[in-house]
Amino acid sequence: MRDDEEDAVLVRRVASGDEAALRVLMSRYTTDIHAVAARYRLGTADAMDMVQDVWLRFWQHAATIRQPDRARGWLHRTAHRQAWQLVRQLRREQSLDGWAERAAGDGYGSPEGHVVRAEHARAVWEAAVRLDRRDRELIMAIADEPRISYAQLARRIGVPESSVGSMRTRCLRKLRRQLAKEGILDAGM
């Protein structure tokens, strides 16, 4: 039996909950997954986490793999995705390093400044809650994921993608007007 045919049998066994089959696949391909982590220059702990995440995903999705004879390719693609996500997460965390020093220069560095920022954030959320349901969902989606694409936003709130831009603009204007009326923002903003 060829390796890919044997892999297909093992994937089907994993899909039915066979841990021994998973261990066989892990012994075959964990080194390959570690190699992907090395290409992304992940540290030892991050690489181990990434490898573990790949195998966890494999265990969770084994039943849905369309081409079980290509398990190695599935693992390789998943490893690249996981490594890339981890690299992006690490970059975000690094960009937050030194936040306190930068914050000290933005007017919010003092304890009083942090209280003002918290009060502003609370006021924004209170104003957002008073918007109609669809506008509120849009604001919450943008707040949850600031770089969300229009396509993702459209799917999330259930509107056509072509209407997201104008809806977003209208919704943000409403929110700004409401905040200006409450004295949180200048009326000219």
Protein backbone atom coordinates (compact mmCIF):
# COMPACT_ATOMS: atom_id res chain seq x y z
CA MET A 1 0.00 0.00 0.00
CA ARG A 2 1.32 3.46 -0.92
CA ASP A 3 1.87 6.04 1.82
CA ASP A 4 -1.00 8.26 0.65
CA GLU A 5 -3.38 5.29 0.58
CA GLU A 6 -2.24 4.28 4.04
CA ASP A 7 -2.69 7.89 5.19
CA ALA A 8 -6.27 7.83 3.86
CA VAL A 9 -7.01 4.73 5.93
CA LEU A 10 -5.43 6.33 8.99
CA VAL A 11 -7.37 9.58 8.51
CA ARG A 12 -10.63 7.62 8.35
CA ARG A 13 -9.64 5.79 11.53
CA VAL A 14 -8.81 9.10 13.24
CA ALA A 15 -12.20 10.44 12.13
CA SER A 16 -13.82 7.54 13.96
CA GLY A 17 -11.85 8.35 17.12
CA ASP A 18 -8.87 6.00 16.78
CA GLU A 19 -6.06 7.56 18.83
CA ALA A 20 -3.55 4.92 17.72
CA ALA A 21 -4.04 6.02 14.10
CA LEU A 22 -3.47 9.62 15.17
CA ARG A 23 -0.21 8.64 16.89
CA VAL A 24 0.99 6.95 13.67
CA LEU A 25 0.28 10.09 11.64
CA MET A 26 1.90 12.23 14.31
CA SER A 27 5.06 10.13 14.20
CA ARG A 28 5.16 10.57 10.42
CA TYR A 29 4.46 14.28 10.10
CA THR A 30 5.28 16.13 13.31
CA THR A 31 8.82 16.75 12.05
CA ASP A 32 7.39 18.34 8.89
CA ILE A 33 5.16 20.60 10.98
CA HIS A 34 8.13 21.61 13.13
CA ALA A 35 9.98 22.48 9.93
CA VAL A 36 7.18 24.90 9.01
CA ALA A 37 7.49 26.51 12.45
CA ALA A 38 11.24 26.85 11.90
CA ARG A 39 10.67 28.59 8.55
CA TYR A 40 8.53 31.15 10.35
CA ARG A 41 11.29 31.50 12.96
CA LEU A 42 9.03 30.71 15.87
CA GLY A 43 10.64 30.21 19.26
CA THR A 44 10.62 26.78 20.85
CA ALA A 45 7.54 27.33 23.01
CA ASP A 46 5.59 29.01 20.19
CA ALA A 47 6.58 26.25 17.77
CA MET A 48 5.40 23.59 20.20
CA ASP A 49 2.10 25.43 20.66
CA MET A 50 1.67 25.74 16.91
CA VAL A 51 2.37 22.02 16.35
CA GLN A 52 -0.10 21.13 19.08
CA ASP A 53 -2.73 23.43 17.52
CA VAL A 54 -2.24 21.79 14.11
CA TRP A 55 -2.77 18.31 15.57
CA LEU A 56 -5.77 19.49 17.56
CA ARG A 57 -7.33 20.90 14.40
CA PHE A 58 -6.55 17.67 12.59
CA TRP A 59 -8.28 15.66 15.32
CA GLN A 60 -11.30 17.99 15.25
CA HIS A 61 -11.60 18.08 11.44
CA ALA A 62 -10.46 14.61 10.37
CA ALA A 63 -14.02 13.64 9.45
CA THR A 64 -14.36 16.63 7.12
CA ILE A 65 -11.09 16.25 5.21
CA ARG A 66 -12.22 15.83 1.59
CA GLN A 67 -9.14 14.04 0.34
CA PRO A 68 -7.86 11.84 3.17
CA ASP A 69 -5.10 10.51 0.90
CA ARG A 70 -3.61 14.02 1.01
CA ALA A 71 -3.35 14.27 4.77
CA ARG A 72 0.24 15.46 4.54
CA GLY A 73 -0.80 18.40 2.35
CA TRP A 74 -3.68 19.25 4.69
CA LEU A 75 -1.31 19.24 7.65
CA HIS A 76 1.25 21.34 5.76
CA ARG A 77 -1.32 23.99 4.75
CA THR A 78 -2.78 24.07 8.25
CA ALA A 79 0.70 24.42 9.74
CA HIS A 80 1.42 27.40 7.48
CA ARG A 81 -1.89 29.03 8.43
CA GLN A 82 -1.33 28.45 12.13
CA ALA A 83 2.25 29.72 11.95
CA TRP A 84 1.19 32.83 10.04
CA GLN A 85 -1.58 33.57 12.55
CA LEU A 86 0.86 33.12 15.41
CA VAL A 87 3.39 35.44 13.77
CA ARG A 88 0.69 38.08 13.31
CA GLN A 89 -0.39 37.70 16.93
CA LEU A 90 3.20 38.01 18.14
CA ARG A 91 3.65 41.17 16.05
CA ARG A 92 0.54 42.70 17.60
CA GLU A 93 1.79 41.83 21.07
CA GLN A 94 5.19 43.34 20.30
CA SER A 95 3.56 46.52 19.04
CA LEU A 96 1.86 46.81 22.43
CA ASP A 97 5.21 46.61 24.24
CA GLY A 98 6.08 50.01 25.59
CA TRP A 99 2.44 51.09 25.49
CA ALA A 100 2.71 52.73 28.91
CA GLU A 101 5.56 54.94 27.73
CA ARG A 102 3.65 55.98 24.61
CA ALA A 103 0.44 56.46 26.57
CA ALA A 104 2.15 58.88 28.93
CA GLY A 105 2.54 61.25 25.98
CA ASP A 106 -1.08 61.00 24.76
CA GLY A 107 -2.76 62.80 27.64
CA TYR A 108 -4.02 59.56 29.16
CA GLY A 109 -0.79 58.59 30.95
CA SER A 110 -1.91 59.86 34.34
CA PRO A 111 -4.42 58.03 36.53
CA GLU A 112 -6.90 60.85 35.87
CA GLY A 113 -6.34 60.44 32.13
CA HIS A 114 -7.13 56.73 32.36
CA VAL A 115 -10.35 57.52 34.19
CA VAL A 116 -11.30 59.99 31.43
CA ARG A 117 -10.54 57.35 28.76
CA ALA A 118 -12.65 54.76 30.61
CA GLU A 119 -15.53 57.25 30.93
CA HIS A 120 -15.32 58.05 27.22
CA ALA A 121 -15.33 54.34 26.34
CA ARG A 122 -18.34 53.75 28.59
CA ALA A 123 -20.18 56.69 27.01
CA VAL A 124 -19.48 55.36 23.50
CA TRP A 125 -20.85 51.92 24.42
CA GLU A 126 -23.91 53.43 26.08
CA ALA A 127 -24.55 55.51 22.95
CA ALA A 128 -24.03 52.45 20.72
CA VAL A 129 -26.54 50.44 22.75
CA ARG A 130 -29.19 53.10 22.05
CA LEU A 131 -28.78 52.73 18.27
CA ASP A 132 -31.21 50.54 16.35
CA ARG A 133 -30.40 46.82 16.19
CA ARG A 134 -28.63 46.75 12.82
CA ASP A 135 -26.52 49.85 13.56
CA ARG A 136 -25.65 48.45 16.97
CA GLU A 137 -24.58 45.13 15.40
CA LEU A 138 -22.41 47.00 12.90
CA ILE A 139 -20.72 49.09 15.62
CA MET A 140 -20.14 45.99 17.78
CA ALA A 141 -18.67 44.09 14.82
CA ILE A 142 -16.29 46.95 14.00
CA ALA A 143 -15.31 47.27 17.67
CA ASP A 144 -14.70 43.52 17.95
CA GLU A 145 -12.60 43.40 14.80
CA PRO A 146 -11.43 46.86 13.62
CA ARG A 147 -9.91 45.54 10.38
CA ILE A 148 -12.95 43.49 9.36
CA SER A 149 -13.54 43.50 5.60
CA TYR A 150 -16.78 44.71 4.08
CA ALA A 151 -17.53 41.16 2.90
CA GLN A 152 -17.09 39.76 6.42
CA LEU A 153 -19.10 42.62 7.89
CA ALA A 154 -21.92 42.05 5.40
CA ARG A 155 -22.10 38.35 6.29
CA ARG A 156 -21.95 39.08 10.00
CA ILE A 157 -24.83 41.56 10.06
CA GLY A 158 -26.82 40.06 7.18
CA VAL A 159 -26.76 42.83 4.56
CA PRO A 160 -25.49 43.00 0.96
CA GLU A 161 -21.79 43.86 0.74
CA SER A 162 -22.58 46.80 -1.55
CA SER A 163 -24.52 48.54 1.22
CA VAL A 164 -21.90 48.17 3.98
CA GLY A 165 -19.90 51.33 3.17
CA SER A 166 -22.84 53.72 3.20
CA MET A 167 -24.39 51.95 6.17
CA ARG A 168 -21.11 52.21 8.11
CA THR A 169 -20.76 55.93 7.31
CA ARG A 170 -24.39 56.66 8.29
CA CYS A 171 -24.07 54.62 11.49
CA LEU A 172 -20.84 56.33 12.58
CA ARG A 173 -22.39 59.74 11.88
CA LYS A 174 -25.36 58.85 14.09
CA LEU A 175 -23.03 57.74 16.85
CA ARG A 176 -20.92 60.92 16.55
CA ARG A 177 -24.05 63.13 16.66
CA GLN A 178 -25.30 61.31 19.72
CA LEU A 179 -21.91 61.68 21.46
CA ALA A 180 -21.72 65.37 20.52
CA LYS A 181 -25.23 65.91 21.91
CA GLU A 182 -24.07 64.36 25.19
CA GLY A 183 -20.94 66.54 25.24
CA ILE A 184 -18.49 63.66 24.73
CA LEU A 185 -17.34 64.88 21.30
CA ASP A 186 -17.10 68.36 19.82
CA ALA A 187 -20.07 69.03 17.56
CA GLY A 188 -17.70 69.67 14.65
CA MET A 189 -16.27 66.12 14.68
